[in-house]
Amino acid sequence: MVKLMLNFRELTLDDKSSMDRLLDKLQPELSDYTFTNFFMWRHTYGLKVAYDESLDCWFLLAQPKRWKAFLFAPIGDWSDEQRLDAAIMKLFEYCESSKMQFFCRRVPEKFMLRAKAVDPVIRSRIDRNTFDYVYNTTDLMELAGRKFHGKRNHLNQFLRNYTWEYQPMDEAVLEECLQLKTEWFNLHTGEKDQKISGETRAMQELLNNFTSLGVVGAVIRIGGNIEALTIGEKLNATTAVIHIEKANIEFRGIYAAINQQFVANQWPDTQFINREEDMGIDGLRQAKMSYNPVNLVKKYNIYR
């Protein structure tokens, strides 16, 4: 029997329904494993995908310009251990035929352990800079107790000092966000020479495909102007993930406000909020820790 090799190609919006179906079975904890995340960062990652019908599984290959090529964990029904093992073997075969080292980044612990069970030669390294920060929804909504005293003060200062309005993102607000050209949020920087950052490109993709991706968002207005915006979606049955949160720090407490308002208005029925990683940036790590996460979701790099 001839084994069919993986045929990698560009990721498109047409792939969303198929990938979402399997992500629903997977119920990921890692913020990386949403169609939205793969789509908005596909240019930075140099992302290619392949669907294997026999395994009912998506495979994802990253070929970024500045980093070593790597694989994500395949997306499928991991409750079927036999099928997961076959998917891991499929990756081994692809790497061998392509003369590529088997190297996976941003993989959950469960996949790391299963890969090691399939091949004990596999080694793993924990990647602290990519850990996801997960919070209780009620904590972020209510900011109750001594451990949130500072956050409550920041929020109350904002509420007292400014005339503000919270507004869910619709088509009109979305278009306004796309046209914003401010110091704190400007998607047009570098548009003439196309030298824009990976983060800016990812935000452009998210906003330009807002409706197709099925995400939700909101803004805070002060004096009629948008001064903060955020976008997120459901990650799994109990958790929402925040993909973007940007605000004008000239308004004291505005980050506390957009965070609390978005959770209270959009996600009160969830149990947890995943606010993604800190990328190893000290200030960002301190800010995320200050909200008292209830869990840090581990991510691993594995190689053969």
C-alpha atoms as a PDB file:
ATOM      1  CA  MET A   1       0.000   0.000   0.000  1.00  0.00           C
ATOM      2  CA  VAL A   2       1.387   3.398  -1.000  1.00  0.00           C
ATOM      3  CA  LYS A   3       1.387   5.950   1.803  1.00  0.00           C
ATOM      4  CA  LEU A   4       0.147   9.366   0.737  1.00  0.00           C
ATOM      5  CA  MET A   5       2.517  12.151   1.676  1.00  0.00           C
ATOM      6  CA  LEU A   6       1.294  15.391   3.184  1.00  0.00           C
ATOM      7  CA  ASN A   7       0.655  18.069   0.581  1.00  0.00           C
ATOM      8  CA  PHE A   8       1.061  21.434   2.313  1.00  0.00           C
ATOM      9  CA  ARG A   9      -0.576  24.594   0.938  1.00  0.00           C
ATOM     10  CA  GLU A  10      -1.707  28.061   2.029  1.00  0.00           C
ATOM     11  CA  LEU A  11      -4.355  28.379   4.743  1.00  0.00           C
ATOM     12  CA  THR A  12      -7.600  30.013   3.520  1.00  0.00           C
ATOM     13  CA  LEU A  13     -10.893  31.065   5.061  1.00  0.00           C
ATOM     14  CA  ASP A  14     -12.511  28.103   3.279  1.00  0.00           C
ATOM     15  CA  ASP A  15     -10.673  25.847   5.752  1.00  0.00           C
ATOM     16  CA  LYS A  16     -12.360  27.369   8.792  1.00  0.00           C
ATOM     17  CA  SER A  17     -15.404  25.099   9.101  1.00  0.00           C
ATOM     18  CA  SER A  18     -13.364  21.907   8.776  1.00  0.00           C
ATOM     19  CA  MET A  19     -10.699  23.040  11.246  1.00  0.00           C
ATOM     20  CA  ASP A  20     -13.277  24.402  13.699  1.00  0.00           C
ATOM     21  CA  ARG A  21     -15.074  21.051  13.701  1.00  0.00           C
ATOM     22  CA  LEU A  22     -11.888  19.317  14.841  1.00  0.00           C
ATOM     23  CA  LEU A  23     -10.908  22.081  17.260  1.00  0.00           C
ATOM     24  CA  ASP A  24     -14.311  21.594  18.894  1.00  0.00           C
ATOM     25  CA  LYS A  25     -13.408  17.944  19.460  1.00  0.00           C
ATOM     26  CA  LEU A  26      -9.930  18.874  20.633  1.00  0.00           C
ATOM     27  CA  GLN A  27     -11.147  21.517  23.146  1.00  0.00           C
ATOM     28  CA  PRO A  28      -7.707  23.195  23.263  1.00  0.00           C
ATOM     29  CA  GLU A  29      -6.357  25.014  26.299  1.00  0.00           C
ATOM     30  CA  LEU A  30      -3.601  26.762  24.335  1.00  0.00           C
ATOM     31  CA  SER A  31      -4.494  30.094  22.747  1.00  0.00           C
ATOM     32  CA  ASP A  32      -2.466  29.152  19.653  1.00  0.00           C
ATOM     33  CA  TYR A  33      -5.002  26.500  18.642  1.00  0.00           C
ATOM     34  CA  THR A  34      -7.810  28.537  17.129  1.00  0.00           C
ATOM     35  CA  PHE A  35      -8.427  29.031  13.442  1.00  0.00           C
ATOM     36  CA  THR A  36      -8.315  32.782  14.062  1.00  0.00           C
ATOM     37  CA  ASN A  37      -4.842  32.625  15.569  1.00  0.00           C
ATOM     38  CA  PHE A  38      -3.446  30.527  12.730  1.00  0.00           C
ATOM     39  CA  PHE A  39      -5.079  32.764  10.123  1.00  0.00           C
ATOM     40  CA  MET A  40      -4.030  36.137  11.548  1.00  0.00           C
ATOM     41  CA  TRP A  41      -0.403  35.032  12.091  1.00  0.00           C
ATOM     42  CA  ARG A  42      -0.074  32.941   8.923  1.00  0.00           C
ATOM     43  CA  HIS A  43       2.217  35.425   7.152  1.00  0.00           C
ATOM     44  CA  THR A  44       4.562  35.789  10.127  1.00  0.00           C
ATOM     45  CA  TYR A  45       4.706  32.023  10.545  1.00  0.00           C
ATOM     46  CA  GLY A  46       4.943  31.293   6.837  1.00  0.00           C
ATOM     47  CA  LEU A  47       2.166  28.851   7.639  1.00  0.00           C
ATOM     48  CA  LYS A  48       1.192  25.962   5.387  1.00  0.00           C
ATOM     49  CA  VAL A  49      -1.495  23.378   6.105  1.00  0.00           C
ATOM     50  CA  ALA A  50      -2.410  19.888   4.936  1.00  0.00           C
ATOM     51  CA  TYR A  51      -5.564  17.890   5.604  1.00  0.00           C
ATOM     52  CA  ASP A  52      -5.374  14.109   5.782  1.00  0.00           C
ATOM     53  CA  GLU A  53      -8.794  12.601   5.114  1.00  0.00           C
ATOM     54  CA  SER A  54      -7.874   9.102   6.284  1.00  0.00           C
ATOM     55  CA  LEU A  55      -6.897  10.436   9.718  1.00  0.00           C
ATOM     56  CA  ASP A  56      -9.413  13.328   9.698  1.00  0.00           C
ATOM     57  CA  CYS A  57      -6.592  15.548  10.831  1.00  0.00           C
ATOM     58  CA  TRP A  58      -5.038  18.922   9.991  1.00  0.00           C
ATOM     59  CA  PHE A  59      -1.254  19.285   9.909  1.00  0.00           C
ATOM     60  CA  LEU A  60       0.447  22.681  10.216  1.00  0.00           C
ATOM     61  CA  LEU A  61       3.931  23.570   9.020  1.00  0.00           C
ATOM     62  CA  ALA A  62       5.582  26.917   9.831  1.00  0.00           C
ATOM     63  CA  GLN A  63       8.394  28.196   7.621  1.00  0.00           C
ATOM     64  CA  PRO A  64       9.116  31.666   9.037  1.00  0.00           C
ATOM     65  CA  LYS A  65      11.782  33.784   7.383  1.00  0.00           C
ATOM     66  CA  ARG A  66      13.697  34.520  10.571  1.00  0.00           C
ATOM     67  CA  TRP A  67      13.364  31.238  12.463  1.00  0.00           C
ATOM     68  CA  LYS A  68      13.900  27.551  11.963  1.00  0.00           C
ATOM     69  CA  ALA A  69      11.018  25.672  10.311  1.00  0.00           C
ATOM     70  CA  PHE A  70       8.747  23.902  12.791  1.00  0.00           C
ATOM     71  CA  LEU A  71       5.469  22.034  13.151  1.00  0.00           C
ATOM     72  CA  PHE A  72       2.470  22.599  15.376  1.00  0.00           C
ATOM     73  CA  ALA A  73       0.690  19.700  17.009  1.00  0.00           C
ATOM     74  CA  PRO A  74      -1.783  18.217  14.506  1.00  0.00           C
ATOM     75  CA  ILE A  75      -5.459  19.099  14.946  1.00  0.00           C
ATOM     76  CA  GLY A  76      -7.766  16.129  15.268  1.00  0.00           C
ATOM     77  CA  ASP A  77      -9.663  13.957  17.722  1.00  0.00           C
ATOM     78  CA  TRP A  78      -6.971  13.258  20.306  1.00  0.00           C
ATOM     79  CA  SER A  79      -9.317  11.035  22.305  1.00  0.00           C
ATOM     80  CA  ASP A  80      -8.565   8.427  19.619  1.00  0.00           C
ATOM     81  CA  GLU A  81      -5.046   7.470  20.745  1.00  0.00           C
ATOM     82  CA  GLN A  82      -4.457   5.164  17.808  1.00  0.00           C
ATOM     83  CA  ARG A  83      -5.285   7.928  15.343  1.00  0.00           C
ATOM     84  CA  LEU A  84      -3.104  10.410  17.223  1.00  0.00           C
ATOM     85  CA  ASP A  85      -0.174   7.974  17.125  1.00  0.00           C
ATOM     86  CA  ALA A  86      -0.707   7.559  13.375  1.00  0.00           C
ATOM     87  CA  ALA A  87      -0.669  11.352  12.970  1.00  0.00           C
ATOM     88  CA  ILE A  88       2.629  11.570  14.868  1.00  0.00           C
ATOM     89  CA  MET A  89       4.108   8.860  12.652  1.00  0.00           C
ATOM     90  CA  LYS A  90       2.876  10.799   9.621  1.00  0.00           C
ATOM     91  CA  LEU A  91       4.893  13.800  10.803  1.00  0.00           C
ATOM     92  CA  PHE A  92       7.981  11.631  11.276  1.00  0.00           C
ATOM     93  CA  GLU A  93       7.605  10.338   7.734  1.00  0.00           C
ATOM     94  CA  TYR A  94       7.138  13.823   6.310  1.00  0.00           C
ATOM     95  CA  CYS A  95      10.231  15.135   8.080  1.00  0.00           C
ATOM     96  CA  GLU A  96      12.345  12.210   6.928  1.00  0.00           C
ATOM     97  CA  SER A  97      11.224  12.516   3.306  1.00  0.00           C
ATOM     98  CA  SER A  98      11.720  16.304   3.375  1.00  0.00           C
ATOM     99  CA  LYS A  99      15.103  16.092   5.128  1.00  0.00           C
ATOM    100  CA  MET A 100      13.689  18.287   7.884  1.00  0.00           C
ATOM    101  CA  GLN A 101      14.369  17.795  11.574  1.00  0.00           C
ATOM    102  CA  PHE A 102      11.260  16.823  13.528  1.00  0.00           C
ATOM    103  CA  PHE A 103      10.774  20.002  15.562  1.00  0.00           C
ATOM    104  CA  CYS A 104       7.464  21.146  17.045  1.00  0.00           C
ATOM    105  CA  ARG A 105       6.822  24.399  18.866  1.00  0.00           C
ATOM    106  CA  ARG A 106       3.958  25.571  21.070  1.00  0.00           C
ATOM    107  CA  VAL A 107       2.663  22.094  21.800  1.00  0.00           C
ATOM    108  CA  PRO A 108       0.543  21.143  24.819  1.00  0.00           C
ATOM    109  CA  GLU A 109       1.769  18.738  27.445  1.00  0.00           C
ATOM    110  CA  LYS A 110      -0.582  15.972  26.331  1.00  0.00           C
ATOM    111  CA  PHE A 111       0.856  15.947  22.813  1.00  0.00           C
ATOM    112  CA  MET A 112       4.412  16.136  24.128  1.00  0.00           C
ATOM    113  CA  LEU A 113       3.871  13.075  26.328  1.00  0.00           C
ATOM    114  CA  ARG A 114       2.193  11.115  23.534  1.00  0.00           C
ATOM    115  CA  ALA A 115       4.990  11.895  21.073  1.00  0.00           C
ATOM    116  CA  LYS A 116       7.518  10.591  23.612  1.00  0.00           C
ATOM    117  CA  ALA A 117       5.459   7.430  24.040  1.00  0.00           C
ATOM    118  CA  VAL A 118       5.506   6.860  20.276  1.00  0.00           C
ATOM    119  CA  ASP A 119       9.255   7.485  20.074  1.00  0.00           C
ATOM    120  CA  PRO A 120      11.340   7.617  23.302  1.00  0.00           C
ATOM    121  CA  VAL A 121      14.075   9.446  21.346  1.00  0.00           C
ATOM    122  CA  ILE A 122      11.902  12.578  21.439  1.00  0.00           C
ATOM    123  CA  ARG A 123      13.210  15.313  23.714  1.00  0.00           C
ATOM    124  CA  SER A 124      11.281  18.283  25.088  1.00  0.00           C
ATOM    125  CA  ARG A 125      11.982  21.748  26.390  1.00  0.00           C
ATOM    126  CA  ILE A 126       9.502  23.819  28.300  1.00  0.00           C
ATOM    127  CA  ASP A 127       9.041  27.334  26.872  1.00  0.00           C
ATOM    128  CA  ARG A 128       8.107  29.699  29.719  1.00  0.00           C
ATOM    129  CA  ASN A 129       7.911  32.748  27.437  1.00  0.00           C
ATOM    130  CA  THR A 130       4.915  31.260  25.610  1.00  0.00           C
ATOM    131  CA  PHE A 131       2.852  30.126  28.630  1.00  0.00           C
ATOM    132  CA  ASP A 132      -0.764  31.298  28.474  1.00  0.00           C
ATOM    133  CA  TYR A 133      -2.204  33.249  31.409  1.00  0.00           C
ATOM    134  CA  VAL A 134      -5.643  32.020  32.484  1.00  0.00           C
ATOM    135  CA  TYR A 135      -7.919  33.869  34.915  1.00  0.00           C
ATOM    136  CA  ASN A 136     -11.237  33.261  36.617  1.00  0.00           C
ATOM    137  CA  THR A 137     -13.907  35.221  34.747  1.00  0.00           C
ATOM    138  CA  THR A 138     -15.506  36.379  38.000  1.00  0.00           C
ATOM    139  CA  ASP A 139     -12.143  37.739  39.215  1.00  0.00           C
ATOM    140  CA  LEU A 140     -11.744  39.898  36.115  1.00  0.00           C
ATOM    141  CA  MET A 141     -15.358  41.086  36.273  1.00  0.00           C
ATOM    142  CA  GLU A 142     -15.567  41.904  39.966  1.00  0.00           C
ATOM    143  CA  LEU A 143     -11.937  42.639  40.951  1.00  0.00           C
ATOM    144  CA  ALA A 144     -12.962  41.689  44.494  1.00  0.00           C
ATOM    145  CA  GLY A 145     -10.744  41.233  47.535  1.00  0.00           C
ATOM    146  CA  ARG A 146      -7.371  42.501  48.683  1.00  0.00           C
ATOM    147  CA  LYS A 147      -5.419  40.900  45.842  1.00  0.00           C
ATOM    148  CA  PHE A 148      -7.266  43.135  43.337  1.00  0.00           C
ATOM    149  CA  HIS A 149      -7.116  46.319  45.422  1.00  0.00           C
ATOM    150  CA  GLY A 150      -4.696  48.058  43.029  1.00  0.00           C
ATOM    151  CA  LYS A 151      -6.662  47.073  39.922  1.00  0.00           C
ATOM    152  CA  ARG A 152      -9.891  48.265  41.509  1.00  0.00           C
ATOM    153  CA  ASN A 153      -8.284  51.627  42.247  1.00  0.00           C
ATOM    154  CA  HIS A 154      -7.115  51.992  38.636  1.00  0.00           C
ATOM    155  CA  LEU A 155     -10.575  51.134  37.343  1.00  0.00           C
ATOM    156  CA  ASN A 156     -12.348  53.490  39.738  1.00  0.00           C
ATOM    157  CA  GLN A 157     -10.006  56.344  38.812  1.00  0.00           C
ATOM    158  CA  PHE A 158     -10.884  55.823  35.168  1.00  0.00           C
ATOM    159  CA  LEU A 159     -14.621  55.651  35.867  1.00  0.00           C
ATOM    160  CA  ARG A 160     -14.499  58.867  37.913  1.00  0.00           C
ATOM    161  CA  ASN A 161     -12.151  60.944  35.786  1.00  0.00           C
ATOM    162  CA  TYR A 162     -13.456  60.425  32.255  1.00  0.00           C
ATOM    163  CA  THR A 163     -16.729  60.587  30.369  1.00  0.00           C
ATOM    164  CA  TRP A 164     -16.557  57.281  28.572  1.00  0.00           C
ATOM    165  CA  GLU A 165     -18.713  54.869  26.589  1.00  0.00           C
ATOM    166  CA  TYR A 166     -18.359  51.109  26.090  1.00  0.00           C
ATOM    167  CA  GLN A 167     -19.502  50.038  22.619  1.00  0.00           C
ATOM    168  CA  PRO A 168     -19.602  46.537  21.070  1.00  0.00           C
ATOM    169  CA  MET A 169     -17.858  46.303  17.737  1.00  0.00           C
ATOM    170  CA  ASP A 170     -20.139  46.366  14.699  1.00  0.00           C
ATOM    171  CA  GLU A 171     -19.429  47.107  11.031  1.00  0.00           C
ATOM    172  CA  ALA A 172     -19.300  50.873  11.544  1.00  0.00           C
ATOM    173  CA  VAL A 173     -17.000  50.635  14.579  1.00  0.00           C
ATOM    174  CA  LEU A 174     -14.848  48.096  12.773  1.00  0.00           C
ATOM    175  CA  GLU A 175     -14.356  50.456   9.830  1.00  0.00           C
ATOM    176  CA  GLU A 176     -13.437  53.243  12.231  1.00  0.00           C
ATOM    177  CA  CYS A 177     -10.824  51.014  13.881  1.00  0.00           C
ATOM    178  CA  LEU A 178      -9.352  50.178  10.477  1.00  0.00           C
ATOM    179  CA  GLN A 179      -8.956  53.888   9.731  1.00  0.00           C
ATOM    180  CA  LEU A 180      -7.427  54.861  13.092  1.00  0.00           C
ATOM    181  CA  LYS A 181      -4.073  56.594  12.802  1.00  0.00           C
ATOM    182  CA  THR A 182      -2.916  57.345  16.326  1.00  0.00           C
ATOM    183  CA  GLU A 183       0.254  56.809  18.318  1.00  0.00           C
ATOM    184  CA  TRP A 184      -1.311  53.943  20.243  1.00  0.00           C
ATOM    185  CA  PHE A 185      -2.977  52.167  17.305  1.00  0.00           C
ATOM    186  CA  ASN A 186      -2.017  52.622  13.668  1.00  0.00           C
ATOM    187  CA  LEU A 187      -2.350  49.843  11.119  1.00  0.00           C
ATOM    188  CA  HIS A 188      -1.125  52.139   8.342  1.00  0.00           C
ATOM    189  CA  THR A 189       2.454  52.522   9.577  1.00  0.00           C
ATOM    190  CA  GLY A 190       4.829  51.362   6.860  1.00  0.00           C
ATOM    191  CA  GLU A 191       2.029  50.806   4.359  1.00  0.00           C
ATOM    192  CA  LYS A 192       3.973  52.486   1.541  1.00  0.00           C
ATOM    193  CA  ASP A 193       7.070  50.320   1.827  1.00  0.00           C
ATOM    194  CA  GLN A 194       5.213  47.311   3.275  1.00  0.00           C
ATOM    195  CA  LYS A 195       7.676  47.158   6.176  1.00  0.00           C
ATOM    196  CA  ILE A 196       5.142  46.500   8.885  1.00  0.00           C
ATOM    197  CA  SER A 197       5.624  44.391  11.992  1.00  0.00           C
ATOM    198  CA  GLY A 198       4.256  40.891  12.343  1.00  0.00           C
ATOM    199  CA  GLU A 199       1.864  42.087  15.040  1.00  0.00           C
ATOM    200  CA  THR A 200       0.525  44.899  12.840  1.00  0.00           C
ATOM    201  CA  ARG A 201       0.016  42.488   9.949  1.00  0.00           C
ATOM    202  CA  ALA A 202      -1.793  40.062  12.260  1.00  0.00           C
ATOM    203  CA  MET A 203      -4.112  42.811  13.537  1.00  0.00           C
ATOM    204  CA  GLN A 204      -4.833  43.896   9.969  1.00  0.00           C
ATOM    205  CA  GLU A 205      -5.818  40.341   9.074  1.00  0.00           C
ATOM    206  CA  LEU A 206      -8.027  40.029  12.141  1.00  0.00           C
ATOM    207  CA  LEU A 207      -9.869  43.299  11.560  1.00  0.00           C
ATOM    208  CA  ASN A 208     -10.172  42.859   7.782  1.00  0.00           C
ATOM    209  CA  ASN A 209     -11.711  39.401   8.278  1.00  0.00           C
ATOM    210  CA  PHE A 210     -13.586  40.151  11.503  1.00  0.00           C
ATOM    211  CA  THR A 211     -16.983  38.872  10.356  1.00  0.00           C
ATOM    212  CA  SER A 212     -15.676  35.804   8.495  1.00  0.00           C
ATOM    213  CA  LEU A 213     -13.608  34.745  11.507  1.00  0.00           C
ATOM    214  CA  GLY A 214     -16.611  34.960  13.824  1.00  0.00           C
ATOM    215  CA  VAL A 215     -14.822  36.920  16.544  1.00  0.00           C
ATOM    216  CA  VAL A 216     -16.342  39.612  18.755  1.00  0.00           C
ATOM    217  CA  GLY A 217     -14.939  42.909  19.936  1.00  0.00           C
ATOM    218  CA  ALA A 218     -15.587  46.184  21.697  1.00  0.00           C
ATOM    219  CA  VAL A 219     -14.184  49.690  22.070  1.00  0.00           C
ATOM    220  CA  ILE A 220     -14.150  52.414  24.699  1.00  0.00           C
ATOM    221  CA  ARG A 221     -14.828  55.947  23.519  1.00  0.00           C
ATOM    222  CA  ILE A 222     -13.791  59.109  25.317  1.00  0.00           C
ATOM    223  CA  GLY A 223     -15.041  62.368  23.898  1.00  0.00           C
ATOM    224  CA  GLY A 224     -16.436  60.396  20.971  1.00  0.00           C
ATOM    225  CA  ASN A 225     -13.019  59.025  20.005  1.00  0.00           C
ATOM    226  CA  ILE A 226     -12.016  55.381  20.155  1.00  0.00           C
ATOM    227  CA  GLU A 227      -9.312  55.149  22.837  1.00  0.00           C
ATOM    228  CA  ALA A 228      -9.274  51.378  23.477  1.00  0.00           C
ATOM    229  CA  LEU A 229     -10.249  48.262  21.574  1.00  0.00           C
ATOM    230  CA  THR A 230     -10.296  44.532  22.204  1.00  0.00           C
ATOM    231  CA  ILE A 231     -11.195  41.372  20.267  1.00  0.00           C
ATOM    232  CA  GLY A 232     -11.720  37.782  21.422  1.00  0.00           C
ATOM    233  CA  GLU A 233     -13.617  34.539  20.920  1.00  0.00           C
ATOM    234  CA  LYS A 234     -14.460  31.243  22.621  1.00  0.00           C
ATOM    235  CA  LEU A 235     -11.439  28.951  22.953  1.00  0.00           C
ATOM    236  CA  ASN A 236     -13.233  25.943  24.413  1.00  0.00           C
ATOM    237  CA  ALA A 237     -16.455  25.146  26.275  1.00  0.00           C
ATOM    238  CA  THR A 238     -15.411  26.995  29.441  1.00  0.00           C
ATOM    239  CA  THR A 239     -12.877  29.568  28.238  1.00  0.00           C
ATOM    240  CA  ALA A 240     -12.721  32.723  26.117  1.00  0.00           C
ATOM    241  CA  VAL A 241      -9.437  33.964  24.634  1.00  0.00           C
ATOM    242  CA  ILE A 242      -8.459  37.603  24.127  1.00  0.00           C
ATOM    243  CA  HIS A 243      -6.566  38.084  20.840  1.00  0.00           C
ATOM    244  CA  ILE A 244      -6.155  41.876  20.896  1.00  0.00           C
ATOM    245  CA  GLU A 245      -6.231  44.491  23.630  1.00  0.00           C
ATOM    246  CA  LYS A 246      -4.911  47.961  22.773  1.00  0.00           C
ATOM    247  CA  ALA A 247      -5.476  51.270  24.538  1.00  0.00           C
ATOM    248  CA  ASN A 248      -4.257  54.849  24.813  1.00  0.00           C
ATOM    249  CA  ILE A 249      -2.270  55.009  28.061  1.00  0.00           C
ATOM    250  CA  GLU A 250      -2.759  58.783  28.260  1.00  0.00           C
ATOM    251  CA  PHE A 251      -6.025  57.847  29.994  1.00  0.00           C
ATOM    252  CA  ARG A 252      -5.106  56.444  33.404  1.00  0.00           C
ATOM    253  CA  GLY A 253      -6.787  53.112  34.115  1.00  0.00           C
ATOM    254  CA  ILE A 254      -8.037  52.544  30.568  1.00  0.00           C
ATOM    255  CA  TYR A 255      -6.510  49.068  30.292  1.00  0.00           C
ATOM    256  CA  ALA A 256      -8.230  48.040  33.522  1.00  0.00           C
ATOM    257  CA  ALA A 257     -11.475  49.443  32.098  1.00  0.00           C
ATOM    258  CA  ILE A 258     -11.426  47.732  28.688  1.00  0.00           C
ATOM    259  CA  ASN A 259     -10.415  44.445  30.310  1.00  0.00           C
ATOM    260  CA  GLN A 260     -13.160  44.524  32.947  1.00  0.00           C
ATOM    261  CA  GLN A 261     -15.869  45.847  30.641  1.00  0.00           C
ATOM    262  CA  PHE A 262     -15.248  43.342  27.837  1.00  0.00           C
ATOM    263  CA  VAL A 263     -15.317  40.399  30.226  1.00  0.00           C
ATOM    264  CA  ALA A 264     -18.416  41.659  32.061  1.00  0.00           C
ATOM    265  CA  ASN A 265     -20.367  42.461  28.896  1.00  0.00           C
ATOM    266  CA  GLN A 266     -19.255  39.681  26.560  1.00  0.00           C
ATOM    267  CA  TRP A 267     -18.054  36.705  28.607  1.00  0.00           C
ATOM    268  CA  PRO A 268     -20.037  36.480  31.891  1.00  0.00           C
ATOM    269  CA  ASP A 269     -21.160  32.931  31.028  1.00  0.00           C
ATOM    270  CA  THR A 270     -17.601  31.609  30.741  1.00  0.00           C
ATOM    271  CA  GLN A 271     -15.566  30.193  33.605  1.00  0.00           C
ATOM    272  CA  PHE A 272     -12.121  31.294  32.469  1.00  0.00           C
ATOM    273  CA  ILE A 273     -10.403  33.958  30.352  1.00  0.00           C
ATOM    274  CA  ASN A 274      -7.164  33.144  28.508  1.00  0.00           C
ATOM    275  CA  ARG A 275      -5.126  36.322  27.963  1.00  0.00           C
ATOM    276  CA  GLU A 276      -2.374  34.638  25.957  1.00  0.00           C
ATOM    277  CA  GLU A 277       1.368  34.897  26.598  1.00  0.00           C
ATOM    278  CA  ASP A 278       3.914  37.495  27.712  1.00  0.00           C
ATOM    279  CA  MET A 279       6.559  36.739  25.016  1.00  0.00           C
ATOM    280  CA  GLY A 280       9.272  37.004  27.658  1.00  0.00           C
ATOM    281  CA  ILE A 281       8.746  40.777  27.997  1.00  0.00           C
ATOM    282  CA  ASP A 282       9.319  41.719  31.645  1.00  0.00           C
ATOM    283  CA  GLY A 283       6.762  44.537  31.764  1.00  0.00           C
ATOM    284  CA  LEU A 284       4.100  42.414  30.100  1.00  0.00           C
ATOM    285  CA  ARG A 285       4.820  39.492  32.426  1.00  0.00           C
ATOM    286  CA  GLN A 286       4.469  41.764  35.450  1.00  0.00           C
ATOM    287  CA  ALA A 287       1.181  43.154  34.114  1.00  0.00           C
ATOM    288  CA  LYS A 288      -0.275  39.700  33.458  1.00  0.00           C
ATOM    289  CA  MET A 289       0.843  38.359  36.848  1.00  0.00           C
ATOM    290  CA  SER A 290      -0.725  41.374  38.572  1.00  0.00           C
ATOM    291  CA  TYR A 291      -4.180  40.053  37.605  1.00  0.00           C
ATOM    292  CA  ASN A 292      -3.559  36.874  39.650  1.00  0.00           C
ATOM    293  CA  PRO A 293      -3.846  34.071  37.086  1.00  0.00           C
ATOM    294  CA  VAL A 294      -5.319  30.805  38.322  1.00  0.00           C
ATOM    295  CA  ASN A 295      -3.334  28.808  35.778  1.00  0.00           C
ATOM    296  CA  LEU A 296      -0.320  29.147  33.512  1.00  0.00           C
ATOM    297  CA  VAL A 297      -0.838  26.831  30.543  1.00  0.00           C
ATOM    298  CA  LYS A 298       2.473  25.173  29.724  1.00  0.00           C
ATOM    299  CA  LYS A 299       3.807  24.945  26.189  1.00  0.00           C
ATOM    300  CA  TYR A 300       6.670  22.798  24.969  1.00  0.00           C
ATOM    301  CA  ASN A 301       9.115  22.558  22.126  1.00  0.00           C
ATOM    302  CA  ILE A 302       9.827  18.978  21.137  1.00  0.00           C
ATOM    303  CA  TYR A 303      12.429  17.583  18.773  1.00  0.00           C
ATOM    304  CA  ARG A 304      13.885  14.333  17.569  1.00  0.00           C
END
